[in-house]
Amino acid sequence: LRQILAYRMGKGNHTKDELQDISHVMKEGSTVRDELARIIKFPFFDKEASKLKVDPETIELSATVEGQLRDFVLFIASMYNDHAFHNFKHASNVATTTNKFLQRIKDDTLEMQVFDPLTQFAIIFSSLVHDVDHPGVPNALLVAENDKMAIKYSNRSIAEQNAVDVAWNALMESQYKDLQNSIYGSAEEMTRFRSLIVNCVMATDLFDRELIDDRMTRWKQAFDEECKDQSLSVEENENLRATVVVEHVLMAADIGHTMQHW
């Protein structure tokens, strides 16, 4: 959050645009899955140049913002059920692993995109909430039992869509207003924050064949010259690369919890 505020101040963005509730622009009857973006637009961020304007180490978060952030994390932790695997310990592990993976990105262009403070916050946020309120059973079982949650989400990516809704609805509560204002300073930033959460959390659905095939197709279009989408501009292709890399980071971190020696 300090990095977000420092970057925003360095750009001279001290005032906020009139923010719109993201739910008001969703089509009636649409779901989280309907918001999945093929390409998310990432701003380029020069970490060292940004420090020359406003060093994040000089930024102090207000006690109100720190308190709201702490309360929000505690709320999310309380919404994780006491399951053997899909619990808050798992979420914390995935968040730690995600952060480690992000630090291992060495491609210059990807670094400048992924190291944007709002982008990093959104990715870590997603990893922490990706299994919140998980029912503890696979999506396929919810579908077979005609569970009300399965019906709500049309039998697709049920636990993942529910996690986004639970986390987002909580964050939008008025009690977190100062935290909201620290995370995003404009409608454009809020929309990008939301898009990153949707794509990242949906990437943790490891059994939806359609999502997996689409992600692999986009990966090949981004990195395989023979499969490259010639209709994309250079900037669009760079954003496609960043989008699929971020999604795979979440997917790998989620799976990786079962493979760590501790």
Protein backbone atom coordinates (compact mmCIF):
# COMPACT_ATOMS: atom_id res chain seq x y z
CA LEU A 1 0.00 0.00 0.00
CA ARG A 2 2.86 2.39 0.72
CA GLN A 3 4.25 1.70 -2.74
CA ILE A 4 0.84 2.37 -4.31
CA LEU A 5 0.51 5.70 -2.51
CA ALA A 6 4.11 6.73 -3.28
CA TYR A 7 3.66 5.96 -6.98
CA ARG A 8 0.37 7.83 -7.10
CA MET A 9 1.90 10.86 -5.37
CA GLY A 10 4.89 10.74 -7.72
CA LYS A 11 2.54 11.02 -10.68
CA GLY A 12 0.84 13.98 -9.06
CA ASN A 13 -2.46 12.16 -8.63
CA HIS A 14 -3.59 13.59 -5.31
CA THR A 15 -7.30 13.80 -6.10
CA LYS A 16 -9.71 10.98 -6.78
CA ASP A 17 -11.99 10.57 -9.76
CA GLU A 18 -15.62 9.90 -9.06
CA LEU A 19 -15.60 6.15 -8.48
CA GLN A 20 -18.32 3.89 -9.75
CA ASP A 21 -19.46 0.72 -8.05
CA ILE A 22 -18.17 -2.04 -10.32
CA SER A 23 -21.35 -4.05 -9.75
CA HIS A 24 -23.37 -1.33 -11.43
CA VAL A 25 -21.60 -1.85 -14.76
CA MET A 26 -22.05 -5.62 -14.78
CA LYS A 27 -24.78 -6.92 -17.05
CA GLU A 28 -27.85 -8.17 -15.27
CA GLY A 29 -27.56 -11.89 -14.64
CA SER A 30 -23.81 -11.97 -15.35
CA THR A 31 -21.32 -13.77 -13.13
CA VAL A 32 -17.67 -13.38 -12.20
CA ARG A 33 -16.69 -15.86 -14.90
CA ASP A 34 -18.31 -13.60 -17.51
CA GLU A 35 -15.78 -10.88 -16.61
CA LEU A 36 -12.72 -12.94 -17.53
CA ALA A 37 -10.44 -10.87 -19.75
CA ARG A 38 -8.35 -12.32 -22.55
CA ILE A 39 -5.88 -9.45 -22.14
CA ILE A 40 -5.46 -7.10 -19.18
CA LYS A 41 -3.73 -3.79 -19.85
CA PHE A 42 -0.71 -3.36 -17.60
CA PRO A 43 1.00 0.00 -17.03
CA PHE A 44 4.79 0.11 -17.27
CA PHE A 45 6.47 0.75 -13.93
CA ASP A 46 10.08 1.80 -13.42
CA LYS A 47 10.79 0.98 -9.78
CA GLU A 48 14.05 2.94 -9.49
CA ALA A 49 12.76 5.99 -11.33
CA SER A 50 9.66 5.98 -9.14
CA LYS A 51 11.79 6.02 -5.99
CA LEU A 52 13.48 9.20 -7.18
CA LYS A 53 10.09 10.95 -7.10
CA VAL A 54 8.63 9.58 -3.86
CA ASP A 55 10.38 6.84 -1.89
CA PRO A 56 7.80 4.36 -0.49
CA GLU A 57 9.89 4.13 2.68
CA THR A 58 8.96 7.74 3.43
CA ILE A 59 5.22 7.01 3.27
CA GLU A 60 3.37 6.33 6.50
CA LEU A 61 -0.02 4.66 6.35
CA SER A 62 -2.60 6.19 8.62
CA ALA A 63 -3.67 4.20 11.67
CA THR A 64 -7.14 4.07 10.10
CA VAL A 65 -5.92 2.43 6.90
CA GLU A 66 -3.70 -0.02 8.78
CA GLY A 67 -6.59 -0.89 11.05
CA GLN A 68 -8.98 -1.45 8.15
CA LEU A 69 -6.44 -3.63 6.35
CA ARG A 70 -5.92 -5.70 9.48
CA ASP A 71 -9.66 -6.03 10.03
CA PHE A 72 -10.23 -7.06 6.43
CA VAL A 73 -7.57 -9.80 6.59
CA LEU A 74 -9.05 -11.03 9.87
CA PHE A 75 -12.49 -11.13 8.28
CA ILE A 76 -11.18 -13.11 5.29
CA ALA A 77 -9.42 -15.50 7.67
CA SER A 78 -12.67 -16.01 9.58
CA MET A 79 -14.52 -16.83 6.34
CA TYR A 80 -12.19 -19.74 5.58
CA ASN A 81 -13.83 -22.94 6.80
CA ASP A 82 -11.96 -25.47 8.91
CA HIS A 83 -11.23 -27.91 6.10
CA ALA A 84 -8.21 -30.20 5.86
CA PHE A 85 -6.83 -28.36 2.81
CA HIS A 86 -8.88 -25.33 1.71
CA ASN A 87 -8.21 -23.36 4.89
CA PHE A 88 -6.53 -20.06 5.78
CA LYS A 89 -3.17 -21.77 6.30
CA HIS A 90 -3.34 -22.87 2.66
CA ALA A 91 -4.26 -19.34 1.58
CA SER A 92 -1.35 -17.86 3.54
CA ASN A 93 1.03 -20.36 1.98
CA VAL A 94 -0.22 -19.56 -1.53
CA ALA A 95 0.17 -15.83 -0.85
CA THR A 96 3.76 -16.32 0.32
CA THR A 97 4.59 -18.53 -2.66
CA THR A 98 2.97 -16.11 -5.09
CA ASN A 99 5.10 -13.27 -3.75
CA LYS A 100 8.23 -15.42 -4.10
CA PHE A 101 7.35 -16.35 -7.70
CA LEU A 102 6.78 -12.69 -8.61
CA GLN A 103 10.25 -11.80 -7.34
CA ARG A 104 11.73 -14.48 -9.63
CA ILE A 105 10.48 -12.79 -12.82
CA LYS A 106 13.56 -11.58 -14.70
CA ASP A 107 12.19 -10.57 -18.10
CA ASP A 108 12.68 -6.79 -18.36
CA THR A 109 9.30 -6.03 -19.94
CA LEU A 110 7.39 -8.34 -17.61
CA GLU A 111 9.16 -6.83 -14.61
CA MET A 112 8.04 -3.33 -15.56
CA GLN A 113 4.45 -4.56 -15.92
CA VAL A 114 4.13 -6.90 -12.95
CA PHE A 115 6.09 -4.70 -10.52
CA ASP A 116 3.49 -1.94 -10.74
CA PRO A 117 2.41 -1.58 -7.06
CA LEU A 118 -1.33 -1.89 -7.70
CA THR A 119 -0.73 -4.96 -9.86
CA GLN A 120 1.37 -6.63 -7.17
CA PHE A 121 -1.17 -5.82 -4.47
CA ALA A 122 -4.00 -7.24 -6.60
CA ILE A 123 -2.10 -10.48 -7.25
CA ILE A 124 -1.23 -11.04 -3.57
CA PHE A 125 -4.77 -10.05 -2.59
CA SER A 126 -6.10 -12.67 -5.03
CA SER A 127 -3.87 -15.38 -3.62
CA LEU A 128 -5.08 -14.65 -0.08
CA VAL A 129 -8.80 -14.78 -0.96
CA HIS A 130 -8.78 -17.43 -3.71
CA ASP A 131 -10.40 -20.15 -1.56
CA VAL A 132 -12.38 -18.05 0.92
CA ASP A 133 -15.67 -19.70 1.98
CA HIS A 134 -14.66 -22.86 0.09
CA PRO A 135 -17.20 -25.65 0.76
CA GLY A 136 -14.43 -28.25 1.07
CA VAL A 137 -15.57 -30.43 -1.82
CA PRO A 138 -14.81 -30.30 -5.57
CA ASN A 139 -16.98 -28.25 -7.90
CA ALA A 140 -18.05 -31.47 -9.65
CA LEU A 141 -19.64 -32.76 -6.44
CA LEU A 142 -21.53 -29.49 -5.95
CA VAL A 143 -22.89 -29.88 -9.48
CA ALA A 144 -23.84 -33.53 -8.90
CA GLU A 145 -25.69 -32.62 -5.70
CA ASN A 146 -27.43 -29.69 -7.39
CA ASP A 147 -26.09 -27.44 -4.65
CA LYS A 148 -27.55 -23.93 -4.49
CA MET A 149 -24.08 -22.45 -5.01
CA ALA A 150 -23.71 -24.53 -8.19
CA ILE A 151 -27.04 -23.26 -9.43
CA LYS A 152 -26.06 -19.66 -8.69
CA TYR A 153 -22.90 -19.94 -10.79
CA SER A 154 -24.37 -22.09 -13.59
CA ASN A 155 -22.24 -25.10 -12.60
CA ARG A 156 -19.00 -23.41 -13.67
CA SER A 157 -15.99 -22.53 -11.46
CA ILE A 158 -18.33 -22.51 -8.47
CA ALA A 159 -15.95 -22.17 -5.52
CA GLU A 160 -13.75 -19.69 -7.40
CA GLN A 161 -16.59 -17.38 -8.40
CA ASN A 162 -17.98 -17.51 -4.87
CA ALA A 163 -14.55 -16.57 -3.46
CA VAL A 164 -14.37 -13.47 -5.66
CA ASP A 165 -17.88 -12.42 -4.68
CA VAL A 166 -17.30 -12.93 -0.96
CA ALA A 167 -14.00 -11.03 -0.93
CA TRP A 168 -15.14 -8.21 -3.22
CA ASN A 169 -18.45 -7.63 -1.47
CA ALA A 170 -16.64 -7.45 1.85
CA LEU A 171 -14.05 -4.98 0.56
CA MET A 172 -16.82 -2.75 -0.82
CA GLU A 173 -18.37 -2.32 2.63
CA SER A 174 -18.34 1.28 3.91
CA GLN A 175 -16.23 0.28 6.90
CA TYR A 176 -13.28 -0.20 4.51
CA LYS A 177 -13.67 3.12 2.69
CA ASP A 178 -10.22 4.44 3.62
CA LEU A 179 -8.63 1.16 2.59
CA GLN A 180 -10.44 1.33 -0.75
CA ASN A 181 -9.16 4.86 -1.32
CA SER A 182 -5.60 3.71 -0.63
CA ILE A 183 -5.78 0.79 -3.06
CA TYR A 184 -7.21 2.66 -6.05
CA GLY A 185 -7.43 6.36 -6.86
CA SER A 186 -9.59 6.31 -9.97
CA ALA A 187 -12.28 4.30 -11.70
CA GLU A 188 -9.64 2.99 -14.12
CA GLU A 189 -7.49 1.70 -11.26
CA MET A 190 -10.48 0.09 -9.56
CA THR A 191 -11.48 -1.64 -12.80
CA ARG A 192 -7.93 -2.96 -13.33
CA PHE A 193 -7.79 -4.11 -9.70
CA ARG A 194 -11.06 -5.99 -10.17
CA SER A 195 -9.95 -7.52 -13.49
CA LEU A 196 -6.73 -8.84 -11.97
CA ILE A 197 -8.62 -10.42 -9.08
CA VAL A 198 -11.09 -12.12 -11.42
CA ASN A 199 -8.42 -13.53 -13.75
CA CYS A 200 -6.11 -14.58 -10.92
CA VAL A 201 -8.71 -16.36 -8.81
CA MET A 202 -10.31 -18.03 -11.83
CA ALA A 203 -6.86 -19.38 -12.75
CA THR A 204 -7.00 -21.54 -9.61
CA ASP A 205 -9.84 -23.61 -11.08
CA LEU A 206 -7.64 -26.53 -12.06
CA PHE A 207 -10.37 -28.78 -13.44
CA ASP A 208 -12.28 -26.61 -15.89
CA ARG A 209 -11.13 -27.88 -19.28
CA GLU A 210 -12.37 -24.82 -21.14
CA LEU A 211 -10.40 -22.42 -18.93
CA ILE A 212 -7.27 -24.57 -19.08
CA ASP A 213 -7.38 -24.88 -22.88
CA ASP A 214 -7.98 -21.16 -23.28
CA ARG A 215 -5.06 -20.32 -21.01
CA MET A 216 -2.73 -22.64 -22.91
CA THR A 217 -3.87 -21.18 -26.24
CA ARG A 218 -3.12 -17.66 -25.01
CA TRP A 219 0.26 -18.81 -23.67
CA LYS A 220 1.23 -20.17 -27.08
CA GLN A 221 0.00 -16.99 -28.79
CA ALA A 222 2.12 -14.93 -26.40
CA PHE A 223 5.36 -16.96 -26.44
CA ASP A 224 5.35 -19.26 -29.50
CA GLU A 225 6.24 -17.42 -32.70
CA GLU A 226 4.44 -20.02 -34.81
CA CYS A 227 1.20 -19.49 -32.88
CA LYS A 228 1.48 -15.73 -32.46
CA ASP A 229 -1.71 -13.72 -32.99
CA GLN A 230 -0.72 -11.43 -35.84
CA SER A 231 -3.72 -9.18 -35.24
CA LEU A 232 -2.24 -7.94 -31.95
CA SER A 233 -0.08 -4.84 -31.71
CA VAL A 234 3.27 -5.01 -29.90
CA GLU A 235 1.70 -3.48 -26.79
CA GLU A 236 -1.26 -5.86 -26.88
CA ASN A 237 1.05 -8.86 -27.19
CA GLU A 238 3.12 -7.63 -24.22
CA ASN A 239 -0.08 -7.32 -22.19
CA LEU A 240 -1.15 -10.81 -23.29
CA ARG A 241 2.19 -12.16 -22.05
CA ALA A 242 1.79 -10.45 -18.69
CA THR A 243 -1.81 -11.65 -18.33
CA VAL A 244 -1.05 -15.33 -18.87
CA VAL A 245 2.13 -15.19 -16.76
CA VAL A 246 0.22 -13.76 -13.80
CA GLU A 247 -2.46 -16.43 -14.17
CA HIS A 248 0.14 -19.20 -14.23
CA VAL A 249 1.85 -17.73 -11.16
CA LEU A 250 -1.39 -18.13 -9.18
CA MET A 251 -2.00 -21.60 -10.58
CA ALA A 252 1.53 -22.76 -9.76
CA ALA A 253 1.44 -21.27 -6.26
CA ASP A 254 -1.89 -23.00 -5.57
CA ILE A 255 -0.58 -26.39 -6.69
CA GLY A 256 2.80 -25.79 -5.08
CA HIS A 257 1.44 -25.95 -1.54
CA THR A 258 1.26 -29.73 -1.84
CA MET A 259 4.90 -29.97 -2.91
CA GLN A 260 6.76 -27.99 -0.26
CA HIS A 261 8.96 -29.81 2.19
CA TRP A 262 7.66 -28.01 5.26
